[in-house]
């Protein structure tokens, strides 16, 4: 997957030239950034968050 590393790194920061922060990474664990998760839940009606 060409450009994955650069695009993924960009989606982990809210710097001005980034795609917008979506993910958070702690060592090998990747989660959806809390403000992005709120938007996903709001727009898709998710109420049960089994995997936190």
PDB file of N, CA and C in Angstrom:
ATOM      1  N   UNK A   1       0.846  -1.168   0.000  1.00  0.00           N
ATOM      2  CA  UNK A   1       0.000   0.000   0.000  1.00  0.00           C
ATOM      3  C   UNK A   1       0.893   1.233   0.000  1.00  0.00           C
ATOM      4  N   UNK A   2       0.988   1.799  -1.170  1.00  0.00           N
ATOM      5  CA  UNK A   2       1.837   2.971  -1.345  1.00  0.00           C
ATOM      6  C   UNK A   2       1.298   4.153  -0.540  1.00  0.00           C
ATOM      7  N   UNK A   3       2.177   4.867   0.101  1.00  0.00           N
ATOM      8  CA  UNK A   3       1.876   6.083   0.868  1.00  0.00           C
ATOM      9  C   UNK A   3       1.153   5.831   2.190  1.00  0.00           C
ATOM     10  N   UNK A   4       0.970   4.575   2.596  1.00  0.00           N
ATOM     11  CA  UNK A   4       0.232   4.309   3.834  1.00  0.00           C
ATOM     12  C   UNK A   4       0.899   4.970   5.028  1.00  0.00           C
ATOM     13  N   UNK A   5       2.197   4.760   5.209  1.00  0.00           N
ATOM     14  CA  UNK A   5       2.882   5.291   6.387  1.00  0.00           C
ATOM     15  C   UNK A   5       2.739   6.806   6.494  1.00  0.00           C
ATOM     16  N   UNK A   6       2.919   7.500   5.405  1.00  0.00           N
ATOM     17  CA  UNK A   6       2.808   8.960   5.430  1.00  0.00           C
ATOM     18  C   UNK A   6       1.377   9.401   5.728  1.00  0.00           C
ATOM     19  N   UNK A   7       0.414   8.756   5.105  1.00  0.00           N
ATOM     20  CA  UNK A   7      -0.991   9.121   5.345  1.00  0.00           C
ATOM     21  C   UNK A   7      -1.417   8.782   6.765  1.00  0.00           C
ATOM     22  N   UNK A   8      -0.985   7.623   7.269  1.00  0.00           N
ATOM     23  CA  UNK A   8      -1.331   7.233   8.641  1.00  0.00           C
ATOM     24  C   UNK A   8      -0.713   8.211   9.636  1.00  0.00           C
ATOM     25  N   UNK A   9       0.544   8.566   9.443  1.00  0.00           N
ATOM     26  CA  UNK A   9       1.202   9.533  10.327  1.00  0.00           C
ATOM     27  C   UNK A   9       0.453  10.861  10.309  1.00  0.00           C
ATOM     28  N   UNK A  10      -0.013  11.272   9.151  1.00  0.00           N
ATOM     29  CA  UNK A  10      -0.750  12.523   9.019  1.00  0.00           C
ATOM     30  C   UNK A  10      -2.082  12.472   9.761  1.00  0.00           C
ATOM     31  N   UNK A  11      -2.698  11.296   9.833  1.00  0.00           N
ATOM     32  CA  UNK A  11      -3.994  11.173  10.509  1.00  0.00           C
ATOM     33  C   UNK A  11      -3.844  10.994  12.016  1.00  0.00           C
ATOM     34  N   UNK A  12      -2.612  11.084  12.524  1.00  0.00           N
ATOM     35  CA  UNK A  12      -2.374  11.020  13.963  1.00  0.00           C
ATOM     36  C   UNK A  12      -1.981  12.381  14.522  1.00  0.00           C
ATOM     37  N   UNK A  13      -2.077  13.433  13.721  1.00  0.00           N
ATOM     38  CA  UNK A  13      -1.708  14.773  14.166  1.00  0.00           C
ATOM     39  C   UNK A  13      -2.754  15.782  13.708  1.00  0.00           C
ATOM     40  N   UNK A  14      -2.832  16.874  14.413  1.00  0.00           N
ATOM     41  CA  UNK A  14      -3.757  17.931  13.991  1.00  0.00           C
ATOM     42  C   UNK A  14      -2.984  19.148  13.475  1.00  0.00           C
ATOM     43  N   UNK A  15      -1.783  18.892  12.945  1.00  0.00           N
ATOM     44  CA  UNK A  15      -0.980  19.968  12.357  1.00  0.00           C
ATOM     45  C   UNK A  15      -1.702  20.558  11.141  1.00  0.00           C
ATOM     46  N   UNK A  16      -1.349  21.753  10.781  1.00  0.00           N
ATOM     47  CA  UNK A  16      -2.037  22.477   9.721  1.00  0.00           C
ATOM     48  C   UNK A  16      -2.069  21.790   8.374  1.00  0.00           C
ATOM     49  N   UNK A  17      -1.033  21.029   8.023  1.00  0.00           N
ATOM     50  CA  UNK A  17      -0.994  20.397   6.704  1.00  0.00           C
ATOM     51  C   UNK A  17      -1.421  18.925   6.745  1.00  0.00           C
ATOM     52  N   UNK A  18      -2.044  18.500   7.829  1.00  0.00           N
ATOM     53  CA  UNK A  18      -2.446  17.107   7.992  1.00  0.00           C
ATOM     54  C   UNK A  18      -3.853  16.879   7.436  1.00  0.00           C
ATOM     55  N   UNK A  19      -4.226  15.607   7.287  1.00  0.00           N
ATOM     56  CA  UNK A  19      -5.586  15.258   6.857  1.00  0.00           C
ATOM     57  C   UNK A  19      -6.607  15.588   7.932  1.00  0.00           C
ATOM     58  N   UNK A  20      -6.171  15.668   9.152  1.00  0.00           N
ATOM     59  CA  UNK A  20      -7.045  15.861  10.298  1.00  0.00           C
ATOM     60  C   UNK A  20      -6.844  14.692  11.232  1.00  0.00           C
ATOM     61  N   UNK A  21      -6.766  14.960  12.523  1.00  0.00           N
ATOM     62  CA  UNK A  21      -6.477  13.899  13.479  1.00  0.00           C
ATOM     63  C   UNK A  21      -7.668  12.956  13.594  1.00  0.00           C
ATOM     64  N   UNK A  22      -7.401  11.673  13.402  1.00  0.00           N
ATOM     65  CA  UNK A  22      -8.434  10.645  13.485  1.00  0.00           C
ATOM     66  C   UNK A  22      -8.007   9.537  14.436  1.00  0.00           C
ATOM     67  N   UNK A  23      -6.722   9.223  14.467  1.00  0.00           N
ATOM     68  CA  UNK A  23      -6.226   8.093  15.248  1.00  0.00           C
ATOM     69  C   UNK A  23      -5.262   8.533  16.331  1.00  0.00           C
ATOM     70  N   UNK A  24      -5.167   7.684  17.347  1.00  0.00           N
ATOM     71  CA  UNK A  24      -4.190   7.850  18.410  1.00  0.00           C
ATOM     72  C   UNK A  24      -3.441   6.542  18.529  1.00  0.00           C
ATOM     73  N   UNK A  25      -2.122   6.601  18.679  1.00  0.00           N
ATOM     74  CA  UNK A  25      -1.328   5.382  18.769  1.00  0.00           C
ATOM     75  C   UNK A  25      -0.483   5.410  20.022  1.00  0.00           C
ATOM     76  N   UNK A  26      -0.600   4.363  20.829  1.00  0.00           N
ATOM     77  CA  UNK A  26       0.227   4.150  22.010  1.00  0.00           C
ATOM     78  C   UNK A  26       0.934   2.824  21.800  1.00  0.00           C
ATOM     79  N   UNK A  27       2.211   2.904  21.485  1.00  0.00           N
ATOM     80  CA  UNK A  27       2.998   1.720  21.129  1.00  0.00           C
ATOM     81  C   UNK A  27       2.320   0.983  19.982  1.00  0.00           C
ATOM     82  N   UNK A  28       1.831  -0.222  20.208  1.00  0.00           N
ATOM     83  CA  UNK A  28       1.214  -1.014  19.139  1.00  0.00           C
ATOM     84  C   UNK A  28      -0.313  -0.893  19.118  1.00  0.00           C
ATOM     85  N   UNK A  29      -0.879  -0.138  20.034  1.00  0.00           N
ATOM     86  CA  UNK A  29      -2.347   0.007  20.112  1.00  0.00           C
ATOM     87  C   UNK A  29      -2.800   1.270  19.386  1.00  0.00           C
ATOM     88  N   UNK A  30      -3.718   1.101  18.446  1.00  0.00           N
ATOM     89  CA  UNK A  30      -4.264   2.227  17.693  1.00  0.00           C
ATOM     90  C   UNK A  30      -5.742   2.345  18.040  1.00  0.00           C
ATOM     91  N   UNK A  31      -6.169   3.542  18.408  1.00  0.00           N
ATOM     92  CA  UNK A  31      -7.573   3.799  18.720  1.00  0.00           C
ATOM     93  C   UNK A  31      -8.032   5.033  17.952  1.00  0.00           C
ATOM     94  N   UNK A  32      -9.333   5.206  17.893  1.00  0.00           N
ATOM     95  CA  UNK A  32      -9.886   6.414  17.284  1.00  0.00           C
ATOM     96  C   UNK A  32      -9.778   7.536  18.314  1.00  0.00           C
ATOM     97  N   UNK A  33      -9.260   8.676  17.900  1.00  0.00           N
ATOM     98  CA  UNK A  33      -9.119   9.840  18.759  1.00  0.00           C
ATOM     99  C   UNK A  33     -10.487  10.224  19.307  1.00  0.00           C
ATOM    100  N   UNK A  34     -10.596  10.529  20.585  1.00  0.00           N
ATOM    101  CA  UNK A  34     -11.880  10.757  21.259  1.00  0.00           C
ATOM    102  C   UNK A  34     -12.800  11.752  20.541  1.00  0.00           C
ATOM    103  N   UNK A  35     -12.336  12.938  20.137  1.00  0.00           N
ATOM    104  CA  UNK A  35     -13.244  13.853  19.423  1.00  0.00           C
ATOM    105  C   UNK A  35     -13.733  13.272  18.094  1.00  0.00           C
ATOM    106  N   UNK A  36     -12.885  12.521  17.400  1.00  0.00           N
ATOM    107  CA  UNK A  36     -13.320  11.887  16.149  1.00  0.00           C
ATOM    108  C   UNK A  36     -14.332  10.796  16.448  1.00  0.00           C
ATOM    109  N   UNK A  37     -14.126  10.057  17.533  1.00  0.00           N
ATOM    110  CA  UNK A  37     -15.054   8.983  17.914  1.00  0.00           C
ATOM    111  C   UNK A  37     -16.440   9.548  18.224  1.00  0.00           C
ATOM    112  N   UNK A  38     -16.482  10.709  18.873  1.00  0.00           N
ATOM    113  CA  UNK A  38     -17.765  11.360  19.167  1.00  0.00           C
ATOM    114  C   UNK A  38     -18.539  11.641  17.880  1.00  0.00           C
ATOM    115  N   UNK A  39     -17.830  12.125  16.864  1.00  0.00           N
ATOM    116  CA  UNK A  39     -18.472  12.422  15.580  1.00  0.00           C
ATOM    117  C   UNK A  39     -18.971  11.156  14.899  1.00  0.00           C
ATOM    118  N   UNK A  40     -18.185  10.094  14.937  1.00  0.00           N
ATOM    119  CA  UNK A  40     -18.607   8.811  14.360  1.00  0.00           C
ATOM    120  C   UNK A  40     -19.864   8.328  15.066  1.00  0.00           C
ATOM    121  N   UNK A  41     -19.833   8.339  16.397  1.00  0.00           N
ATOM    122  CA  UNK A  41     -21.001   7.899  17.165  1.00  0.00           C
ATOM    123  C   UNK A  41     -22.229   8.739  16.841  1.00  0.00           C
ATOM    124  N   UNK A  42     -22.037  10.057  16.743  1.00  0.00           N
ATOM    125  CA  UNK A  42     -23.158  10.954  16.459  1.00  0.00           C
ATOM    126  C   UNK A  42     -23.769  10.678  15.083  1.00  0.00           C
ATOM    127  N   UNK A  43     -22.928  10.570  14.072  1.00  0.00           N
ATOM    128  CA  UNK A  43     -23.421  10.436  12.704  1.00  0.00           C
ATOM    129  C   UNK A  43     -23.902   9.034  12.352  1.00  0.00           C
ATOM    130  N   UNK A  44     -23.428   8.045  13.080  1.00  0.00           N
ATOM    131  CA  UNK A  44     -23.824   6.671  12.765  1.00  0.00           C
ATOM    132  C   UNK A  44     -24.666   6.043  13.861  1.00  0.00           C
ATOM    133  N   UNK A  45     -25.043   6.807  14.864  1.00  0.00           N
ATOM    134  CA  UNK A  45     -25.937   6.333  15.893  1.00  0.00           C
ATOM    135  C   UNK A  45     -25.386   5.215  16.746  1.00  0.00           C
ATOM    136  N   UNK A  46     -24.095   5.173  16.939  1.00  0.00           N
ATOM    137  CA  UNK A  46     -23.483   4.114  17.741  1.00  0.00           C
ATOM    138  C   UNK A  46     -23.675   4.455  19.206  1.00  0.00           C
ATOM    139  N   UNK A  47     -24.214   3.503  19.957  1.00  0.00           N
ATOM    140  CA  UNK A  47     -24.400   3.727  21.383  1.00  0.00           C
ATOM    141  C   UNK A  47     -23.635   2.705  22.223  1.00  0.00           C
ATOM    142  N   UNK A  48     -23.300   1.556  21.663  1.00  0.00           N
ATOM    143  CA  UNK A  48     -22.601   0.507  22.382  1.00  0.00           C
ATOM    144  C   UNK A  48     -21.137   0.490  21.960  1.00  0.00           C
ATOM    145  N   UNK A  49     -20.244   0.901  22.842  1.00  0.00           N
ATOM    146  CA  UNK A  49     -18.818   0.970  22.522  1.00  0.00           C
ATOM    147  C   UNK A  49     -18.103  -0.180  23.214  1.00  0.00           C
ATOM    148  N   UNK A  50     -18.204  -1.362  22.656  1.00  0.00           N
ATOM    149  CA  UNK A  50     -17.627  -2.554  23.275  1.00  0.00           C
ATOM    150  C   UNK A  50     -16.110  -2.544  23.232  1.00  0.00           C
ATOM    151  N   UNK A  51     -15.502  -1.982  22.200  1.00  0.00           N
ATOM    152  CA  UNK A  51     -14.037  -2.034  22.066  1.00  0.00           C
ATOM    153  C   UNK A  51     -13.435  -0.669  22.343  1.00  0.00           C
ATOM    154  N   UNK A  52     -13.050  -0.434  23.577  1.00  0.00           N
ATOM    155  CA  UNK A  52     -12.419   0.835  23.956  1.00  0.00           C
ATOM    156  C   UNK A  52     -10.979   0.601  24.284  1.00  0.00           C
TER     157      UNK A  52
END
